[in-house]
Amino acid sequence: MKIALACKSILLEKSLEIFLQEYLTPYKKCDFVITDKHLEIDKPFFYVGTVDSDLNIPFSKSSLILSLEKFYNSLTEANSPQNLEVVKKVDIDELEGKITDLTDNFRKELINIIREYHEEE
């Protein structure tokens, strides 16, 4: 678990630095970012705050670590090869269904056109 910090609150950032020394890394190498402000970044972020957050303030070191591990596990599970394989299978099944519907509709329309043509004769 590689974490970068981007906090508005200096006190929060310093606390996180103390609690998470062994996990901290530069932004470019991190798995996700811990922040107390909403960011528009290309990496997942773990939001610490009082409302609608991944972790509410105040927190203990143990609750922080547990929440971070849960968050990190959800990230790694979402990107696991097994889950990606399931997504690919669902996409293929959906595509096959759409193609089947399209060809069935085409066949029905073609049969109707042929029937109409023969009725006119």
N, C-alpha and C. Protein backbone atom coordinates (compact mmCIF):
# COMPACT_ATOMS: atom_id res chain seq x y z
N MET A 1 0.86 -1.16 0.00
CA MET A 1 0.00 0.00 0.00
C MET A 1 0.91 1.23 0.00
N LYS A 2 0.86 1.99 -1.08
CA LYS A 2 1.67 3.20 -1.23
C LYS A 2 0.73 4.39 -1.23
N ILE A 3 0.97 5.34 -0.32
CA ILE A 3 0.04 6.44 -0.09
C ILE A 3 0.75 7.78 -0.24
N ALA A 4 0.06 8.73 -0.88
CA ALA A 4 0.51 10.12 -0.93
C ALA A 4 -0.49 10.96 -0.15
N LEU A 5 -0.04 12.09 0.36
CA LEU A 5 -0.91 12.99 1.13
C LEU A 5 -1.10 14.29 0.38
N ALA A 6 -2.33 14.83 0.44
CA ALA A 6 -2.64 16.13 -0.15
C ALA A 6 -3.71 16.77 0.71
N CYS A 7 -3.32 17.24 1.88
CA CYS A 7 -4.28 17.78 2.84
C CYS A 7 -4.20 19.30 2.92
N LYS A 8 -5.38 19.90 3.08
CA LYS A 8 -5.49 21.34 3.29
C LYS A 8 -5.07 21.68 4.72
N SER A 9 -5.46 20.81 5.66
CA SER A 9 -5.14 21.02 7.07
C SER A 9 -3.72 20.53 7.36
N ILE A 10 -2.88 21.42 7.80
CA ILE A 10 -1.50 21.07 8.13
C ILE A 10 -1.47 20.11 9.31
N LEU A 11 -2.33 20.32 10.29
CA LEU A 11 -2.39 19.44 11.46
C LEU A 11 -2.75 18.01 11.05
N LEU A 12 -3.73 17.88 10.18
CA LEU A 12 -4.13 16.55 9.70
C LEU A 12 -2.99 15.90 8.93
N GLU A 13 -2.37 16.66 8.05
CA GLU A 13 -1.27 16.10 7.25
C GLU A 13 -0.11 15.64 8.14
N LYS A 14 0.25 16.42 9.13
CA LYS A 14 1.34 16.03 10.04
C LYS A 14 0.96 14.79 10.84
N SER A 15 -0.29 14.70 11.28
CA SER A 15 -0.76 13.51 12.01
C SER A 15 -0.67 12.28 11.12
N LEU A 16 -1.12 12.42 9.89
CA LEU A 16 -1.07 11.30 8.95
C LEU A 16 0.37 10.89 8.65
N GLU A 17 1.26 11.86 8.54
CA GLU A 17 2.67 11.55 8.31
C GLU A 17 3.23 10.70 9.45
N ILE A 18 2.86 11.05 10.68
CA ILE A 18 3.34 10.29 11.84
C ILE A 18 2.75 8.88 11.83
N PHE A 19 1.45 8.77 11.60
CA PHE A 19 0.77 7.47 11.62
C PHE A 19 1.18 6.56 10.47
N LEU A 20 1.49 7.15 9.33
CA LEU A 20 1.67 6.36 8.10
C LEU A 20 3.08 6.42 7.51
N GLN A 21 4.08 6.67 8.33
CA GLN A 21 5.45 6.82 7.85
C GLN A 21 5.86 5.74 6.86
N GLU A 22 5.57 4.49 7.18
CA GLU A 22 6.04 3.37 6.36
C GLU A 22 5.30 3.23 5.03
N TYR A 23 4.16 3.91 4.89
CA TYR A 23 3.36 3.79 3.66
C TYR A 23 3.52 4.97 2.70
N LEU A 24 4.11 6.04 3.16
CA LEU A 24 4.16 7.27 2.37
C LEU A 24 5.13 7.17 1.20
N THR A 25 4.69 7.75 0.08
CA THR A 25 5.48 7.74 -1.14
C THR A 25 5.11 8.97 -1.97
N PRO A 26 5.92 9.36 -2.93
CA PRO A 26 5.56 10.49 -3.79
C PRO A 26 4.30 10.18 -4.61
N TYR A 27 3.63 11.24 -5.03
CA TYR A 27 2.37 11.12 -5.77
C TYR A 27 2.48 10.19 -6.98
N LYS A 28 3.53 10.33 -7.75
CA LYS A 28 3.66 9.54 -8.99
C LYS A 28 3.76 8.03 -8.73
N LYS A 29 4.20 7.64 -7.55
CA LYS A 29 4.38 6.22 -7.24
C LYS A 29 3.26 5.66 -6.36
N CYS A 30 2.32 6.48 -5.94
CA CYS A 30 1.32 6.03 -4.97
C CYS A 30 0.18 5.24 -5.61
N ASP A 31 -0.48 4.43 -4.77
CA ASP A 31 -1.67 3.70 -5.18
C ASP A 31 -2.91 4.58 -5.06
N PHE A 32 -2.90 5.45 -4.04
CA PHE A 32 -4.00 6.39 -3.83
C PHE A 32 -3.53 7.55 -2.97
N VAL A 33 -4.38 8.57 -2.87
CA VAL A 33 -4.05 9.80 -2.16
C VAL A 33 -5.03 9.97 -1.00
N ILE A 34 -4.52 10.38 0.16
CA ILE A 34 -5.37 10.74 1.28
C ILE A 34 -5.51 12.25 1.26
N THR A 35 -6.75 12.73 1.36
CA THR A 35 -6.99 14.17 1.30
C THR A 35 -8.16 14.57 2.19
N ASP A 36 -8.21 15.86 2.52
CA ASP A 36 -9.34 16.41 3.26
C ASP A 36 -10.08 17.44 2.42
N LYS A 37 -9.77 17.46 1.14
CA LYS A 37 -10.46 18.36 0.20
C LYS A 37 -10.78 17.57 -1.06
N HIS A 38 -11.79 18.00 -1.76
CA HIS A 38 -12.16 17.29 -2.99
C HIS A 38 -11.18 17.68 -4.09
N LEU A 39 -10.62 16.66 -4.72
CA LEU A 39 -9.60 16.87 -5.75
C LEU A 39 -10.05 16.28 -7.07
N GLU A 40 -9.57 16.83 -8.14
CA GLU A 40 -9.76 16.24 -9.46
C GLU A 40 -8.40 15.74 -9.91
N ILE A 41 -8.15 14.47 -9.59
CA ILE A 41 -6.86 13.86 -9.90
C ILE A 41 -7.10 12.54 -10.62
N ASP A 42 -6.04 12.00 -11.19
CA ASP A 42 -6.15 10.75 -11.95
C ASP A 42 -5.91 9.51 -11.10
N LYS A 43 -5.82 9.69 -9.80
CA LYS A 43 -5.62 8.56 -8.89
C LYS A 43 -6.80 8.49 -7.93
N PRO A 44 -7.07 7.30 -7.41
CA PRO A 44 -8.13 7.19 -6.40
C PRO A 44 -7.74 8.00 -5.16
N PHE A 45 -8.74 8.53 -4.47
CA PHE A 45 -8.41 9.22 -3.24
C PHE A 45 -9.30 8.78 -2.08
N PHE A 46 -8.71 8.81 -0.92
CA PHE A 46 -9.34 8.44 0.34
C PHE A 46 -9.63 9.76 1.04
N TYR A 47 -10.91 10.03 1.24
CA TYR A 47 -11.32 11.33 1.78
C TYR A 47 -11.51 11.26 3.29
N VAL A 48 -10.82 12.15 4.01
CA VAL A 48 -10.94 12.26 5.46
C VAL A 48 -11.67 13.56 5.76
N GLY A 49 -12.76 13.46 6.50
CA GLY A 49 -13.53 14.66 6.82
C GLY A 49 -14.61 14.38 7.82
N THR A 50 -15.59 15.29 7.88
CA THR A 50 -16.68 15.14 8.84
C THR A 50 -17.97 14.68 8.18
N VAL A 51 -18.12 14.93 6.88
CA VAL A 51 -19.35 14.56 6.17
C VAL A 51 -18.99 13.84 4.87
N ASP A 52 -19.73 12.78 4.56
CA ASP A 52 -19.53 12.02 3.32
C ASP A 52 -18.05 11.69 3.08
N SER A 53 -17.43 11.08 4.07
CA SER A 53 -16.00 10.78 3.94
C SER A 53 -15.75 9.29 4.13
N ASP A 54 -14.56 8.86 3.72
CA ASP A 54 -14.14 7.48 3.93
C ASP A 54 -13.76 7.24 5.39
N LEU A 55 -13.34 8.30 6.06
CA LEU A 55 -12.99 8.23 7.47
C LEU A 55 -13.37 9.56 8.12
N ASN A 56 -14.13 9.47 9.20
CA ASN A 56 -14.57 10.67 9.90
C ASN A 56 -13.52 11.14 10.90
N ILE A 57 -13.44 12.45 11.05
CA ILE A 57 -12.58 13.08 12.05
C ILE A 57 -13.42 13.23 13.32
N PRO A 58 -12.95 12.93 14.48
CA PRO A 58 -11.63 12.44 14.86
C PRO A 58 -11.51 10.94 14.62
N PHE A 59 -10.27 10.46 14.53
CA PHE A 59 -10.02 9.04 14.32
C PHE A 59 -8.78 8.62 15.10
N SER A 60 -8.67 7.33 15.32
CA SER A 60 -7.48 6.79 15.99
C SER A 60 -6.57 6.18 14.93
N LYS A 61 -5.36 5.87 15.32
CA LYS A 61 -4.42 5.25 14.39
C LYS A 61 -4.97 3.90 13.92
N SER A 62 -5.54 3.12 14.83
CA SER A 62 -6.06 1.81 14.44
C SER A 62 -7.25 1.92 13.49
N SER A 63 -8.15 2.88 13.74
CA SER A 63 -9.29 3.05 12.82
C SER A 63 -8.82 3.55 11.46
N LEU A 64 -7.78 4.38 11.45
CA LEU A 64 -7.20 4.86 10.20
C LEU A 64 -6.63 3.69 9.39
N ILE A 65 -5.81 2.88 10.03
CA ILE A 65 -5.18 1.75 9.34
C ILE A 65 -6.24 0.78 8.82
N LEU A 66 -7.23 0.45 9.65
CA LEU A 66 -8.29 -0.47 9.22
C LEU A 66 -9.05 0.08 8.02
N SER A 67 -9.40 1.36 8.07
CA SER A 67 -10.14 1.98 6.96
C SER A 67 -9.30 2.02 5.69
N LEU A 68 -8.01 2.31 5.83
CA LEU A 68 -7.12 2.34 4.67
C LEU A 68 -6.95 0.96 4.06
N GLU A 69 -6.81 -0.07 4.90
CA GLU A 69 -6.67 -1.43 4.39
C GLU A 69 -7.94 -1.86 3.65
N LYS A 70 -9.08 -1.53 4.20
CA LYS A 70 -10.36 -1.86 3.54
C LYS A 70 -10.46 -1.14 2.19
N PHE A 71 -10.11 0.13 2.17
CA PHE A 71 -10.13 0.93 0.95
C PHE A 71 -9.17 0.35 -0.09
N TYR A 72 -7.95 0.04 0.34
CA TYR A 72 -6.94 -0.50 -0.56
C TYR A 72 -7.36 -1.86 -1.12
N ASN A 73 -7.92 -2.71 -0.26
CA ASN A 73 -8.40 -4.02 -0.72
C ASN A 73 -9.51 -3.88 -1.75
N SER A 74 -10.39 -2.91 -1.55
CA SER A 74 -11.46 -2.70 -2.54
C SER A 74 -10.88 -2.23 -3.88
N LEU A 75 -9.81 -1.45 -3.84
CA LEU A 75 -9.16 -1.01 -5.08
C LEU A 75 -8.49 -2.18 -5.79
N THR A 76 -7.77 -2.99 -5.04
CA THR A 76 -7.04 -4.10 -5.66
C THR A 76 -8.00 -5.18 -6.14
N GLU A 77 -9.10 -5.41 -5.44
CA GLU A 77 -10.09 -6.39 -5.89
C GLU A 77 -10.76 -5.94 -7.17
N ALA A 78 -11.04 -4.65 -7.27
CA ALA A 78 -11.71 -4.12 -8.46
C ALA A 78 -10.83 -4.27 -9.69
N ASN A 79 -9.50 -4.26 -9.50
CA ASN A 79 -8.58 -4.36 -10.63
C ASN A 79 -7.96 -5.73 -10.79
N SER A 80 -8.45 -6.71 -10.03
CA SER A 80 -7.87 -8.05 -10.12
C SER A 80 -8.21 -8.70 -11.46
N PRO A 81 -7.36 -9.58 -11.98
CA PRO A 81 -7.62 -10.24 -13.25
C PRO A 81 -8.94 -11.01 -13.26
N GLN A 82 -9.31 -11.61 -12.13
CA GLN A 82 -10.58 -12.35 -12.07
C GLN A 82 -11.75 -11.42 -12.31
N ASN A 83 -11.76 -10.26 -11.66
CA ASN A 83 -12.87 -9.32 -11.83
C ASN A 83 -12.87 -8.73 -13.22
N LEU A 84 -11.69 -8.47 -13.79
CA LEU A 84 -11.64 -7.95 -15.15
C LEU A 84 -12.17 -8.99 -16.12
N GLU A 85 -11.90 -10.28 -15.86
CA GLU A 85 -12.40 -11.36 -16.71
C GLU A 85 -13.92 -11.41 -16.66
N VAL A 86 -14.49 -11.23 -15.47
CA VAL A 86 -15.96 -11.22 -15.33
C VAL A 86 -16.55 -10.06 -16.12
N VAL A 87 -15.93 -8.89 -16.03
CA VAL A 87 -16.42 -7.73 -16.77
C VAL A 87 -16.36 -8.00 -18.27
N LYS A 88 -15.26 -8.59 -18.74
CA LYS A 88 -15.14 -8.91 -20.16
C LYS A 88 -16.22 -9.89 -20.58
N LYS A 89 -16.49 -10.91 -19.75
CA LYS A 89 -17.50 -11.90 -20.08
C LYS A 89 -18.88 -11.25 -20.14
N VAL A 90 -19.18 -10.38 -19.20
CA VAL A 90 -20.46 -9.69 -19.20
C VAL A 90 -20.58 -8.83 -20.45
N ASP A 91 -19.52 -8.12 -20.82
CA ASP A 91 -19.54 -7.29 -22.02
C ASP A 91 -19.77 -8.14 -23.27
N ILE A 92 -19.11 -9.29 -23.35
CA ILE A 92 -19.26 -10.17 -24.51
C ILE A 92 -20.68 -10.72 -24.56
N ASP A 93 -21.22 -11.14 -23.40
CA ASP A 93 -22.59 -11.64 -23.36
C ASP A 93 -23.58 -10.57 -23.80
N GLU A 94 -23.36 -9.34 -23.36
CA GLU A 94 -24.24 -8.23 -23.73
C GLU A 94 -24.14 -7.97 -25.24
N LEU A 95 -22.94 -8.01 -25.77
CA LEU A 95 -22.73 -7.80 -27.20
C LEU A 95 -23.40 -8.89 -28.01
N GLU A 96 -23.25 -10.15 -27.58
CA GLU A 96 -23.89 -11.26 -28.27
C GLU A 96 -25.41 -11.11 -28.26
N GLY A 97 -25.96 -10.65 -27.14
CA GLY A 97 -27.40 -10.43 -27.04
C GLY A 97 -27.88 -9.35 -28.01
N LYS A 98 -27.12 -8.27 -28.11
CA LYS A 98 -27.49 -7.19 -29.03
C LYS A 98 -27.42 -7.67 -30.48
N ILE A 99 -26.39 -8.44 -30.81
CA ILE A 99 -26.26 -8.96 -32.18
C ILE A 99 -27.40 -9.92 -32.50
N THR A 100 -27.75 -10.77 -31.54
CA THR A 100 -28.85 -11.71 -31.73
C THR A 100 -30.16 -10.96 -31.97
N ASP A 101 -30.43 -9.94 -31.16
CA ASP A 101 -31.64 -9.14 -31.34
C ASP A 101 -31.67 -8.47 -32.71
N LEU A 102 -30.54 -7.91 -33.10
CA LEU A 102 -30.45 -7.23 -34.38
C LEU A 102 -30.69 -8.20 -35.54
N THR A 103 -30.07 -9.37 -35.50
CA THR A 103 -30.24 -10.33 -36.60
C THR A 103 -31.65 -10.90 -36.61
N ASP A 104 -32.25 -11.10 -35.44
CA ASP A 104 -33.65 -11.58 -35.38
C ASP A 104 -34.59 -10.55 -36.00
N ASN A 105 -34.40 -9.29 -35.67
CA ASN A 105 -35.24 -8.23 -36.24
C ASN A 105 -35.04 -8.13 -37.76
N PHE A 106 -33.81 -8.24 -38.20
CA PHE A 106 -33.52 -8.19 -39.64
C PHE A 106 -34.20 -9.35 -40.36
N ARG A 107 -34.11 -10.55 -39.77
CA ARG A 107 -34.73 -11.73 -40.37
C ARG A 107 -36.24 -11.54 -40.48
N LYS A 108 -36.88 -11.04 -39.43
CA LYS A 108 -38.33 -10.81 -39.44
C LYS A 108 -38.72 -9.81 -40.52
N GLU A 109 -37.98 -8.71 -40.61
CA GLU A 109 -38.27 -7.69 -41.62
C GLU A 109 -38.08 -8.24 -43.03
N LEU A 110 -37.04 -9.03 -43.22
CA LEU A 110 -36.77 -9.63 -44.52
C LEU A 110 -37.90 -10.59 -44.92
N ILE A 111 -38.36 -11.40 -43.98
CA ILE A 111 -39.47 -12.32 -44.25
C ILE A 111 -40.74 -11.54 -44.59
N ASN A 112 -41.01 -10.46 -43.88
CA ASN A 112 -42.19 -9.63 -44.18
C ASN A 112 -42.10 -9.03 -45.57
N ILE A 113 -40.93 -8.56 -45.96
CA ILE A 113 -40.76 -7.98 -47.30
C ILE A 113 -40.99 -9.04 -48.37
N ILE A 114 -40.47 -10.24 -48.16
CA ILE A 114 -40.65 -11.34 -49.13
C ILE A 114 -42.12 -11.71 -49.22
N ARG A 115 -42.82 -11.81 -48.09
CA ARG A 115 -44.25 -12.13 -48.08
C ARG A 115 -45.05 -11.06 -48.83
N GLU A 116 -44.75 -9.79 -48.54
CA GLU A 116 -45.45 -8.69 -49.21
C GLU A 116 -45.20 -8.74 -50.72
N TYR A 117 -44.03 -9.04 -51.13
CA TYR A 117 -43.69 -9.12 -52.55
C TYR A 117 -44.48 -10.24 -53.23
N HIS A 118 -44.56 -11.40 -52.57
CA HIS A 118 -45.28 -12.54 -53.17
C HIS A 118 -46.78 -12.32 -53.14
N GLU A 119 -47.32 -11.56 -52.18
CA GLU A 119 -48.75 -11.27 -52.13
C GLU A 119 -49.15 -10.34 -53.26
N GLU A 120 -48.24 -9.47 -53.68
CA GLU A 120 -48.53 -8.53 -54.75
C GLU A 120 -48.59 -9.22 -56.10
N GLU A 121 -47.95 -10.34 -56.26
CA GLU A 121 -47.90 -11.04 -57.54
C GLU A 121 -49.18 -11.69 -57.89
